[in-house]
């Protein structure tokens, strides 16, 4: 049932199906010693923003303060500017949407929508309907990895990230075979880096079956899907994972290793594929 919240005099009416959605979920991971550990990972959910019932963008978000996120996005992108003409904000997590209604005249909306720029922002951008197409047809091999190899790879990868070391503000992604890195890209957004490696693999007609994908960024649903479409069965991240990323890894059979740095890592999926040959 929708709850109705009467706004202040200068604010629009806010309607929500529920006040809160969970921001984290509890999961069990396997650490570098082969031990089960209870952890929390961030939730991830799509939020389609509508302006006067016209879809504008789908954002991947944690889900906190969706009304503010939607209004801020529309204002920052130049779609709306007059707070006094806002009529209502309707957040409906049953269908993952936020609808902003305004009496403000929106100039050249179709033109603005036709001139989209893919930004480098994490989690921000348009999710196109065919992005999920073909996932059911992906058949990834089952990898066999050694704990000692993971340690060796993490040591070798430290020689990369040159731009990050010099200037910061970038993400790095690498294509690896065992503990060797044969392709590494840095960019201001992790999605740019993974897309660059995917393009090079495609141009070279290179298979991902024997490869491992490394990233400094979070393992979100979009990252997992891109790695799966590259045919790579293992993803390794210095950062964490999201709930949708984990669910997709489980569905697609991707071995997911996160929080990997030095001699520490957490296996969120595929622990049965790891041989613990370097226990301390």
Protein backbone atom coordinates (compact mmCIF):
# COMPACT_ATOMS: atom_id res chain seq x y z
CA UNK A 1 0.00 0.00 0.00
CA UNK A 2 1.22 3.49 -0.79
CA UNK A 3 1.91 5.86 2.04
CA UNK A 4 1.14 9.51 1.42
CA UNK A 5 3.32 12.25 2.89
CA UNK A 6 2.11 15.84 2.82
CA UNK A 7 4.95 18.14 1.89
CA UNK A 8 5.94 21.50 3.27
CA UNK A 9 4.56 24.63 1.61
CA UNK A 10 7.45 25.04 -0.83
CA UNK A 11 7.97 21.33 -1.59
CA UNK A 12 6.12 18.91 -3.85
CA UNK A 13 3.91 16.12 -2.55
CA UNK A 14 5.90 12.96 -1.92
CA UNK A 15 4.29 9.57 -2.43
CA UNK A 16 6.11 6.34 -1.63
CA UNK A 17 5.15 2.66 -1.71
CA UNK A 18 7.51 2.13 1.22
CA UNK A 19 9.73 4.46 3.19
CA UNK A 20 12.83 2.31 3.11
CA UNK A 21 14.45 -0.49 1.18
CA UNK A 22 17.32 -2.57 2.60
CA UNK A 23 20.74 -1.09 1.88
CA UNK A 24 22.77 -4.22 2.69
CA UNK A 25 22.21 -7.96 2.85
CA UNK A 26 24.04 -10.62 4.85
CA UNK A 27 26.09 -13.18 2.90
CA UNK A 28 28.62 -15.89 3.68
CA UNK A 29 32.03 -15.69 2.04
CA UNK A 30 35.18 -17.80 2.17
CA UNK A 31 38.35 -15.99 3.22
CA UNK A 32 41.95 -16.59 2.16
CA UNK A 33 42.29 -19.32 4.81
CA UNK A 34 39.30 -21.29 3.53
CA UNK A 35 37.18 -20.22 6.49
CA UNK A 36 33.52 -19.20 6.31
CA UNK A 37 32.95 -15.59 7.35
CA UNK A 38 29.72 -13.65 7.67
CA UNK A 39 29.77 -10.38 5.74
CA UNK A 40 27.43 -7.71 4.45
CA UNK A 41 27.35 -6.54 0.84
CA UNK A 42 25.62 -3.48 -0.59
CA UNK A 43 22.28 -3.85 -2.30
CA UNK A 44 21.93 -2.65 -5.88
CA UNK A 45 18.70 -1.90 -7.69
CA UNK A 46 17.63 -0.11 -10.87
CA UNK A 47 15.67 3.11 -10.54
CA UNK A 48 13.98 4.42 -13.68
CA UNK A 49 13.42 8.16 -13.48
CA UNK A 50 10.34 9.55 -15.22
CA UNK A 51 9.66 13.22 -15.93
CA UNK A 52 5.94 13.83 -16.45
CA UNK A 53 5.63 10.09 -17.13
CA UNK A 54 8.31 10.07 -19.83
CA UNK A 55 11.25 7.77 -19.03
CA UNK A 56 14.50 9.69 -18.82
CA UNK A 57 17.18 7.37 -17.44
CA UNK A 58 17.70 4.21 -15.44
CA UNK A 59 20.18 4.61 -12.58
CA UNK A 60 21.74 1.77 -10.63
CA UNK A 61 21.51 2.81 -7.00
CA UNK A 62 21.72 1.67 -3.41
CA UNK A 63 18.18 2.91 -2.99
CA UNK A 64 18.54 5.45 -0.21
CA UNK A 65 16.71 8.78 -0.69
CA UNK A 66 15.48 7.96 -4.16
CA UNK A 67 13.38 11.11 -4.34
CA UNK A 68 16.41 13.33 -3.78
CA UNK A 69 18.51 11.31 -6.25
CA UNK A 70 15.86 11.68 -8.96
CA UNK A 71 15.36 15.39 -8.41
CA UNK A 72 19.09 16.03 -8.22
CA UNK A 73 19.73 14.12 -11.43
CA UNK A 74 17.03 15.99 -13.36
CA UNK A 75 18.19 19.36 -12.05
CA UNK A 76 21.88 18.71 -12.70
CA UNK A 77 21.15 17.49 -16.21
CA UNK A 78 19.17 20.65 -16.96
CA UNK A 79 15.75 19.03 -17.36
CA UNK A 80 14.08 21.04 -14.57
CA UNK A 81 14.96 24.26 -12.77
CA UNK A 82 11.87 25.71 -11.03
CA UNK A 83 11.31 24.21 -7.57
CA UNK A 84 8.03 26.09 -7.20
CA UNK A 85 6.48 24.26 -10.14
CA UNK A 86 7.21 20.77 -8.86
CA UNK A 87 3.93 19.01 -8.15
CA UNK A 88 4.80 15.55 -6.88
CA UNK A 89 7.44 12.86 -6.60
CA UNK A 90 6.22 9.26 -6.69
CA UNK A 91 8.70 6.58 -5.63
CA UNK A 92 7.48 3.04 -6.26
CA UNK A 93 9.96 0.30 -5.39
CA UNK A 94 7.48 -2.34 -6.54
CA UNK A 95 8.37 -1.31 -10.09
CA UNK A 96 11.70 0.41 -9.30
CA UNK A 97 10.64 3.84 -10.47
CA UNK A 98 10.58 7.48 -9.45
CA UNK A 99 8.17 9.79 -11.26
CA UNK A 100 8.61 13.54 -11.02
CA UNK A 101 5.62 15.62 -12.07
CA UNK A 102 6.00 19.33 -12.76
CA UNK A 103 4.01 22.10 -14.38
CA UNK A 104 7.26 23.64 -15.62
CA UNK A 105 7.50 23.83 -19.39
CA UNK A 106 10.27 21.48 -20.49
CA UNK A 107 12.02 22.89 -23.53
CA UNK A 108 13.43 20.58 -26.21
CA UNK A 109 13.06 17.40 -24.14
CA UNK A 110 13.23 15.05 -27.13
CA UNK A 111 16.34 16.82 -28.38
CA UNK A 112 18.01 16.52 -24.99
CA UNK A 113 17.19 12.81 -24.82
CA UNK A 114 18.60 12.22 -28.29
CA UNK A 115 21.94 13.78 -27.38
CA UNK A 116 22.91 11.60 -24.44
CA UNK A 117 26.52 11.44 -23.34
CA UNK A 118 27.69 8.30 -21.53
CA UNK A 119 29.35 9.64 -18.40
CA UNK A 120 32.15 8.16 -16.33
CA UNK A 121 30.09 8.29 -13.14
CA UNK A 122 29.83 5.05 -11.17
CA UNK A 123 26.35 3.60 -11.48
CA UNK A 124 24.99 6.47 -13.55
CA UNK A 125 23.85 6.13 -17.12
CA UNK A 126 21.24 4.53 -19.31
CA UNK A 127 20.60 0.80 -19.06
CA UNK A 128 19.35 -0.24 -22.48
CA UNK A 129 16.76 -2.97 -22.81
CA UNK A 130 18.96 -5.32 -24.85
CA UNK A 131 21.86 -5.18 -22.38
CA UNK A 132 20.61 -8.40 -20.72
CA UNK A 133 20.01 -10.16 -24.03
CA UNK A 134 21.91 -13.40 -24.52
CA UNK A 135 22.82 -14.06 -20.88
CA UNK A 136 20.92 -17.35 -20.87
CA UNK A 137 23.07 -18.53 -23.78
CA UNK A 138 26.39 -17.92 -22.01
CA UNK A 139 28.15 -21.14 -21.00
CA UNK A 140 31.32 -20.43 -19.07
CA UNK A 141 34.00 -23.05 -18.27
CA UNK A 142 34.68 -24.10 -14.69
CA UNK A 143 38.06 -22.69 -13.63
CA UNK A 144 40.61 -24.34 -11.37
CA UNK A 145 42.59 -21.80 -9.36
CA UNK A 146 45.24 -22.02 -6.68
CA UNK A 147 45.45 -19.75 -3.68
CA UNK A 148 49.17 -19.32 -4.35
CA UNK A 149 48.42 -18.16 -7.90
CA UNK A 150 46.01 -15.51 -6.59
CA UNK A 151 48.71 -14.19 -4.26
CA UNK A 152 51.22 -14.14 -7.10
CA UNK A 153 48.79 -12.30 -9.40
CA UNK A 154 48.03 -9.67 -6.75
CA UNK A 155 51.76 -9.10 -6.34
CA UNK A 156 52.28 -8.79 -10.10
CA UNK A 157 49.32 -6.44 -10.58
CA UNK A 158 50.88 -3.95 -8.18
CA UNK A 159 53.37 -3.03 -10.92
CA UNK A 160 50.51 -1.55 -12.96
CA UNK A 161 48.09 1.33 -12.13
CA UNK A 162 50.68 3.89 -13.25
CA UNK A 163 48.21 6.73 -13.76
CA UNK A 164 46.63 6.04 -10.39
CA UNK A 165 50.02 6.13 -8.69
CA UNK A 166 50.91 9.43 -10.37
CA UNK A 167 47.59 11.24 -10.28
CA UNK A 168 44.85 9.15 -8.67
CA UNK A 169 41.21 9.48 -9.78
CA UNK A 170 41.20 6.48 -12.15
CA UNK A 171 40.20 2.81 -12.17
CA UNK A 172 42.26 -0.01 -13.62
CA UNK A 173 41.18 -3.27 -15.26
CA UNK A 174 43.34 -6.16 -16.41
CA UNK A 175 43.12 -9.34 -18.47
CA UNK A 176 45.11 -12.10 -16.83
CA UNK A 177 46.08 -15.70 -17.54
CA UNK A 178 47.05 -17.38 -14.30
CA UNK A 179 49.32 -14.83 -12.57
CA UNK A 180 50.38 -13.03 -15.75
CA UNK A 181 48.83 -9.76 -16.92
CA UNK A 182 48.74 -9.34 -20.70
CA UNK A 183 46.28 -6.46 -20.97
CA UNK A 184 45.80 -3.55 -18.58
CA UNK A 185 43.81 -0.33 -19.02
CA UNK A 186 43.26 2.67 -16.77
CA UNK A 187 40.45 5.17 -17.27
CA UNK A 188 38.45 7.67 -15.30
CA UNK A 189 35.60 5.15 -15.10
CA UNK A 190 35.84 1.41 -14.56
CA UNK A 191 33.24 0.78 -17.27
CA UNK A 192 35.42 2.59 -19.81
CA UNK A 193 38.34 0.38 -18.84
CA UNK A 194 36.43 -2.90 -19.14
CA UNK A 195 34.87 -1.82 -22.46
CA UNK A 196 38.34 -1.04 -23.82
CA UNK A 197 39.58 -4.53 -22.96
CA UNK A 198 36.41 -6.08 -24.39
CA UNK A 199 36.96 -4.18 -27.64
CA UNK A 200 40.56 -5.37 -27.91
CA UNK A 201 39.53 -8.98 -27.23
CA UNK A 202 36.84 -8.72 -29.90
CA UNK A 203 39.21 -7.22 -32.47
CA UNK A 204 41.78 -9.96 -31.78
CA UNK A 205 39.09 -12.68 -31.69
CA UNK A 206 40.58 -13.75 -28.37
CA UNK A 207 38.73 -16.26 -26.16
CA UNK A 208 38.05 -15.50 -22.52
CA UNK A 209 37.85 -19.13 -21.42
CA UNK A 210 41.34 -19.27 -19.91
CA UNK A 211 41.34 -15.76 -18.50
CA UNK A 212 40.73 -13.93 -15.25
CA UNK A 213 39.40 -10.38 -15.14
CA UNK A 214 40.87 -7.99 -12.56
CA UNK A 215 39.41 -4.63 -11.59
CA UNK A 216 40.03 -2.02 -8.96
CA UNK A 217 36.32 -1.16 -9.01
CA UNK A 218 33.21 -2.65 -7.45
CA UNK A 219 31.65 -5.80 -8.83
CA UNK A 220 28.22 -4.48 -9.73
CA UNK A 221 25.67 -6.24 -11.92
CA UNK A 222 26.81 -4.29 -14.98
CA UNK A 223 30.45 -5.28 -14.44
CA UNK A 224 29.56 -8.95 -14.00
CA UNK A 225 27.42 -8.94 -17.15
CA UNK A 226 30.21 -7.36 -19.19
CA UNK A 227 32.75 -9.92 -17.95
CA UNK A 228 30.33 -12.76 -18.73
CA UNK A 229 29.82 -11.43 -22.26
CA UNK A 230 33.62 -11.48 -22.66
CA UNK A 231 33.48 -15.21 -21.87
CA UNK A 232 35.64 -14.87 -18.75
CA UNK A 233 34.78 -17.23 -15.85
CA UNK A 234 36.66 -15.48 -13.02
CA UNK A 235 36.47 -11.92 -11.72
CA UNK A 236 38.84 -10.53 -9.09
CA UNK A 237 38.38 -7.11 -7.48
CA UNK A 238 40.30 -4.96 -5.06
CA UNK A 239 36.94 -3.53 -4.02
CA UNK A 240 33.66 -5.10 -2.90
CA UNK A 241 30.62 -6.64 -4.57
CA UNK A 242 26.95 -5.74 -4.71
CA UNK A 243 23.97 -7.98 -4.15
CA UNK A 244 22.91 -7.93 -7.83
CA UNK A 245 26.48 -8.56 -8.91
CA UNK A 246 26.65 -11.60 -6.65
CA UNK A 247 23.29 -12.94 -7.80
CA UNK A 248 24.36 -12.70 -11.44
CA UNK A 249 27.72 -14.34 -10.70
CA UNK A 250 25.86 -17.23 -9.10
CA UNK A 251 23.46 -17.49 -12.03
CA UNK A 252 26.20 -17.33 -14.67
CA UNK A 253 28.70 -19.55 -12.84
CA UNK A 254 31.35 -16.84 -12.42
CA UNK A 255 33.89 -17.30 -9.67
CA UNK A 256 33.76 -14.01 -7.75
CA UNK A 257 36.67 -12.92 -5.56
CA UNK A 258 36.58 -9.49 -3.93
CA UNK A 259 38.42 -7.42 -1.32
CA UNK A 260 41.61 -8.83 -2.83
CA UNK A 261 44.78 -7.07 -1.80
CA UNK A 262 48.12 -8.36 -0.57
CA UNK A 263 47.45 -11.73 1.02
CA UNK A 264 43.77 -11.21 1.71
CA UNK A 265 40.67 -11.97 -0.34
CA UNK A 266 37.04 -13.04 0.04
CA UNK A 267 35.39 -15.60 -2.26
CA UNK A 268 31.71 -14.77 -2.70
CA UNK A 269 31.03 -17.43 -5.33
CA UNK A 270 32.93 -20.46 -6.62
CA UNK A 271 34.97 -21.39 -3.52
CA UNK A 272 34.87 -25.00 -4.70
CA UNK A 273 37.08 -23.95 -7.62
CA UNK A 274 39.91 -22.76 -5.37
CA UNK A 275 42.68 -25.02 -4.09
CA UNK A 276 43.98 -23.65 -0.79
CA UNK A 277 47.63 -24.53 -1.23
CA UNK A 278 49.20 -21.62 0.66
CA UNK A 279 47.50 -21.60 4.03
CA UNK A 280 49.45 -19.72 6.68
